[in-house]
N, C-alpha and C. Protein backbone atom coordinates (compact mmCIF):
# COMPACT_ATOMS: atom_id res chain seq x y z
N MET A 1 45.12 40.52 -15.62
CA MET A 1 45.21 41.96 -15.37
C MET A 1 46.19 42.05 -14.15
N THR A 2 47.17 42.95 -14.17
CA THR A 2 48.19 42.91 -13.05
C THR A 2 47.65 44.48 -12.33
N ASP A 3 47.37 44.61 -11.31
CA ASP A 3 47.35 45.97 -10.84
C ASP A 3 48.80 46.46 -10.42
N ILE A 4 48.82 48.02 -10.64
CA ILE A 4 50.17 48.58 -10.12
C ILE A 4 49.95 49.47 -8.96
N THR A 5 50.52 49.01 -7.87
CA THR A 5 50.46 49.84 -6.63
C THR A 5 51.82 50.19 -6.01
N VAL A 6 51.68 50.95 -5.18
CA VAL A 6 52.77 52.10 -4.75
C VAL A 6 53.31 50.75 -3.27
N PRO A 7 54.38 50.38 -4.20
CA PRO A 7 54.94 49.42 -2.92
C PRO A 7 55.26 49.97 -1.29
N GLU A 8 54.70 48.83 -0.51
CA GLU A 8 54.61 49.51 0.93
C GLU A 8 56.38 49.93 1.37
N ASP A 9 57.29 49.33 0.60
CA ASP A 9 58.78 49.32 0.86
C ASP A 9 59.39 50.45 0.18
N LEU A 10 58.55 51.48 -0.39
CA LEU A 10 59.31 52.31 -1.82
C LEU A 10 59.98 53.66 -1.01
N TRP A 11 59.40 53.66 0.16
CA TRP A 11 59.89 54.75 1.19
C TRP A 11 59.89 54.52 2.47
N ASP A 12 60.58 54.89 3.23
CA ASP A 12 60.54 54.66 4.81
C ASP A 12 59.69 55.25 5.67
N THR A 13 59.25 56.51 5.74
CA THR A 13 58.14 57.23 6.39
C THR A 13 56.83 57.03 5.98
N GLU A 14 55.97 57.50 6.79
CA GLU A 14 54.41 56.94 6.44
C GLU A 14 53.88 58.36 5.69
N ASP A 15 54.52 59.12 5.20
CA ASP A 15 54.55 60.43 4.12
C ASP A 15 53.69 59.95 3.58
N GLU A 16 52.96 60.80 2.44
CA GLU A 16 52.47 60.60 1.30
C GLU A 16 53.31 60.97 0.24
N GLY A 17 53.15 60.42 -1.09
CA GLY A 17 53.94 60.52 -2.35
C GLY A 17 53.02 61.20 -3.18
N VAL A 18 53.88 61.65 -4.32
CA VAL A 18 52.96 62.31 -5.52
C VAL A 18 53.84 61.52 -7.00
N ILE A 19 52.45 61.46 -7.77
CA ILE A 19 53.09 60.63 -8.87
C ILE A 19 53.64 61.96 -9.57
N PHE A 20 54.98 61.87 -10.15
CA PHE A 20 55.58 62.94 -10.75
C PHE A 20 55.51 62.98 -12.04
N ALA A 21 55.76 61.51 -12.73
CA ALA A 21 55.39 61.28 -14.06
C ALA A 21 55.25 60.08 -14.63
N TRP A 22 54.48 59.66 -15.32
CA TRP A 22 54.30 58.58 -15.97
C TRP A 22 55.31 58.51 -17.38
N ILE A 23 56.19 57.47 -17.30
CA ILE A 23 56.83 57.52 -18.48
C ILE A 23 56.38 57.13 -19.67
N TYR A 24 55.20 56.22 -19.66
CA TYR A 24 54.44 55.64 -21.01
C TYR A 24 53.25 56.41 -20.85
N SER A 25 52.52 56.39 -21.86
CA SER A 25 51.21 57.29 -22.09
C SER A 25 50.13 56.13 -21.81
N ASP A 26 48.90 56.13 -21.78
CA ASP A 26 47.77 55.55 -21.34
C ASP A 26 47.56 54.67 -22.65
N GLY A 27 47.70 53.20 -22.50
CA GLY A 27 47.11 52.25 -23.53
C GLY A 27 48.36 51.85 -24.29
N ALA A 28 49.74 52.32 -23.85
CA ALA A 28 51.19 51.97 -24.42
C ALA A 28 51.29 50.66 -23.78
N VAL A 29 52.37 49.78 -24.51
CA VAL A 29 52.53 48.33 -24.30
C VAL A 29 53.75 48.63 -23.39
N VAL A 30 54.09 47.91 -22.32
CA VAL A 30 55.04 47.93 -21.34
C VAL A 30 55.62 46.45 -20.92
N GLU A 31 57.04 46.49 -20.87
CA GLU A 31 57.48 45.45 -20.41
C GLU A 31 57.77 45.02 -19.00
N LYS A 32 57.51 44.23 -18.15
CA LYS A 32 58.01 43.68 -17.12
C LYS A 32 59.38 44.47 -16.73
N GLY A 33 59.38 44.84 -15.50
CA GLY A 33 60.86 45.15 -15.16
C GLY A 33 61.05 46.69 -15.70
N LYS A 34 60.42 47.17 -16.64
CA LYS A 34 61.07 48.30 -17.04
C LYS A 34 60.67 49.50 -16.49
N LEU A 35 61.10 51.01 -16.12
CA LEU A 35 60.57 52.03 -15.40
C LEU A 35 59.42 52.71 -16.01
N ILE A 36 58.28 52.72 -15.49
CA ILE A 36 56.72 53.24 -15.72
C ILE A 36 56.29 54.53 -15.46
N ALA A 37 56.82 54.43 -14.11
CA ALA A 37 56.78 55.92 -13.09
C ALA A 37 57.60 56.75 -12.22
N GLU A 38 57.58 57.87 -12.01
CA GLU A 38 58.44 58.56 -10.86
C GLU A 38 57.30 59.02 -10.16
N LEU A 39 57.68 58.65 -8.76
CA LEU A 39 57.25 59.14 -7.54
C LEU A 39 58.34 60.52 -6.68
N THR A 40 57.55 61.06 -6.36
CA THR A 40 58.08 61.98 -5.18
C THR A 40 57.70 61.59 -3.91
N VAL A 41 58.88 61.83 -2.91
CA VAL A 41 58.30 61.99 -1.61
C VAL A 41 59.59 62.80 -0.92
N GLU A 42 59.14 63.74 -0.45
CA GLU A 42 59.99 64.78 0.40
C GLU A 42 61.24 65.17 -0.23
N LYS A 43 60.94 65.34 -1.52
CA LYS A 43 61.76 65.75 -2.56
C LYS A 43 62.61 64.82 -3.09
N ALA A 44 62.67 63.79 -2.51
CA ALA A 44 63.29 62.47 -3.27
C ALA A 44 62.52 61.84 -4.59
N GLN A 45 63.23 61.49 -5.59
CA GLN A 45 62.42 61.10 -6.58
C GLN A 45 62.97 59.34 -6.72
N LEU A 46 61.73 58.70 -6.58
CA LEU A 46 61.51 57.14 -6.71
C LEU A 46 61.06 56.96 -7.91
N GLU A 47 61.64 55.47 -8.49
CA GLU A 47 61.31 54.79 -9.67
C GLU A 47 60.17 53.89 -9.30
N LEU A 48 59.17 53.85 -10.27
CA LEU A 48 58.43 52.25 -10.10
C LEU A 48 58.48 51.64 -11.61
N ALA A 49 58.75 50.10 -11.43
CA ALA A 49 59.03 49.16 -12.14
C ALA A 49 57.56 48.84 -12.74
N ALA A 50 57.51 48.37 -14.09
CA ALA A 50 56.60 47.41 -14.23
C ALA A 50 56.23 46.21 -13.85
N PRO A 51 54.90 45.91 -12.91
CA PRO A 51 55.02 44.52 -12.50
C PRO A 51 54.44 43.19 -13.12
N ALA A 52 54.53 43.45 -14.55
CA ALA A 52 53.99 42.77 -15.82
C ALA A 52 54.22 43.24 -17.12
N SER A 53 53.83 42.53 -18.34
CA SER A 53 54.46 42.89 -19.37
C SER A 53 52.66 42.99 -19.84
N GLY A 54 52.47 44.08 -20.69
CA GLY A 54 51.10 44.24 -21.52
C GLY A 54 50.72 45.58 -21.69
N ARG A 55 49.66 45.91 -21.96
CA ARG A 55 49.14 47.34 -22.04
C ARG A 55 48.76 48.11 -20.72
N LEU A 56 49.32 49.53 -20.42
CA LEU A 56 49.37 50.32 -19.28
C LEU A 56 48.10 50.70 -19.67
N LYS A 57 47.02 50.74 -18.07
CA LYS A 57 46.03 51.65 -17.64
C LYS A 57 46.19 52.59 -16.73
N ILE A 58 46.20 53.46 -17.24
CA ILE A 58 46.80 54.75 -16.09
C ILE A 58 45.19 55.14 -15.25
N LEU A 59 45.46 54.67 -13.88
CA LEU A 59 44.39 54.89 -13.21
C LEU A 59 44.42 56.37 -12.06
N ALA A 60 45.70 56.79 -11.85
CA ALA A 60 46.02 58.20 -11.37
C ALA A 60 47.08 58.83 -12.18
N PRO A 61 46.36 59.99 -12.70
CA PRO A 61 47.48 60.63 -13.42
C PRO A 61 48.59 61.52 -12.60
N ALA A 62 49.52 61.85 -13.37
CA ALA A 62 50.61 62.98 -13.04
C ALA A 62 50.37 63.70 -12.06
N GLU A 63 50.93 63.92 -10.86
CA GLU A 63 50.38 64.96 -9.84
C GLU A 63 49.32 64.41 -8.80
N THR A 64 49.18 63.10 -8.63
CA THR A 64 48.16 62.89 -8.13
C THR A 64 48.85 62.04 -6.47
N VAL A 65 48.25 62.75 -5.49
CA VAL A 65 48.96 62.48 -4.38
C VAL A 65 48.47 60.72 -3.93
N VAL A 66 49.65 60.00 -3.52
CA VAL A 66 49.10 58.53 -3.39
C VAL A 66 50.12 58.38 -1.85
N ARG A 67 49.24 56.93 -1.12
CA ARG A 67 50.12 56.50 -0.14
C ARG A 67 50.34 55.00 -0.40
N LYS A 68 51.23 54.52 0.19
CA LYS A 68 51.74 53.45 0.16
C LYS A 68 50.57 52.15 0.03
N GLY A 69 50.63 51.19 -0.92
CA GLY A 69 49.46 50.33 -1.50
C GLY A 69 48.29 50.98 -2.25
N THR A 70 48.30 52.05 -2.79
CA THR A 70 47.32 52.35 -3.52
C THR A 70 47.82 52.13 -5.07
N VAL A 71 46.38 51.63 -5.59
CA VAL A 71 46.59 51.25 -6.77
C VAL A 71 46.42 52.36 -7.75
N ILE A 72 47.30 52.76 -8.78
CA ILE A 72 47.71 53.68 -9.42
C ILE A 72 47.68 53.50 -10.84
N GLY A 73 47.05 52.23 -11.30
CA GLY A 73 47.35 51.36 -12.39
C GLY A 73 47.19 50.19 -12.65
N ARG A 74 46.82 49.74 -13.86
CA ARG A 74 46.69 48.12 -14.39
C ARG A 74 47.72 47.72 -15.52
N ILE A 75 48.04 46.87 -15.78
CA ILE A 75 48.49 46.31 -16.77
C ILE A 75 47.63 45.12 -17.69
N GLU A 76 47.39 45.18 -18.46
CA GLU A 76 46.36 44.22 -18.92
C GLU A 76 47.04 43.38 -20.20
N ALA A 77 46.98 42.07 -20.02
CA ALA A 77 47.70 41.24 -20.79
C ALA A 77 47.22 41.55 -22.19
N ILE A 78 48.34 41.01 -23.43
CA ILE A 78 47.92 41.22 -24.77
C ILE A 78 48.14 40.27 -25.63
């Protein structure tokens, strides 16, 4: 199992971000490196790629406010 965390270097400021959208639904099979979610910080839209391949488990739904380092999902090996 691999945690999906908001990278510490995804944006420059200490501001919180918001999960704008998940590209895949909960339970979908995803590939490492593919776009899986979009976050917004200060009106900037940022992309988050899958850290591994497997089945996506969403822990923080769209519109959730997040900080850097927050675990927002997991990828389970299949």
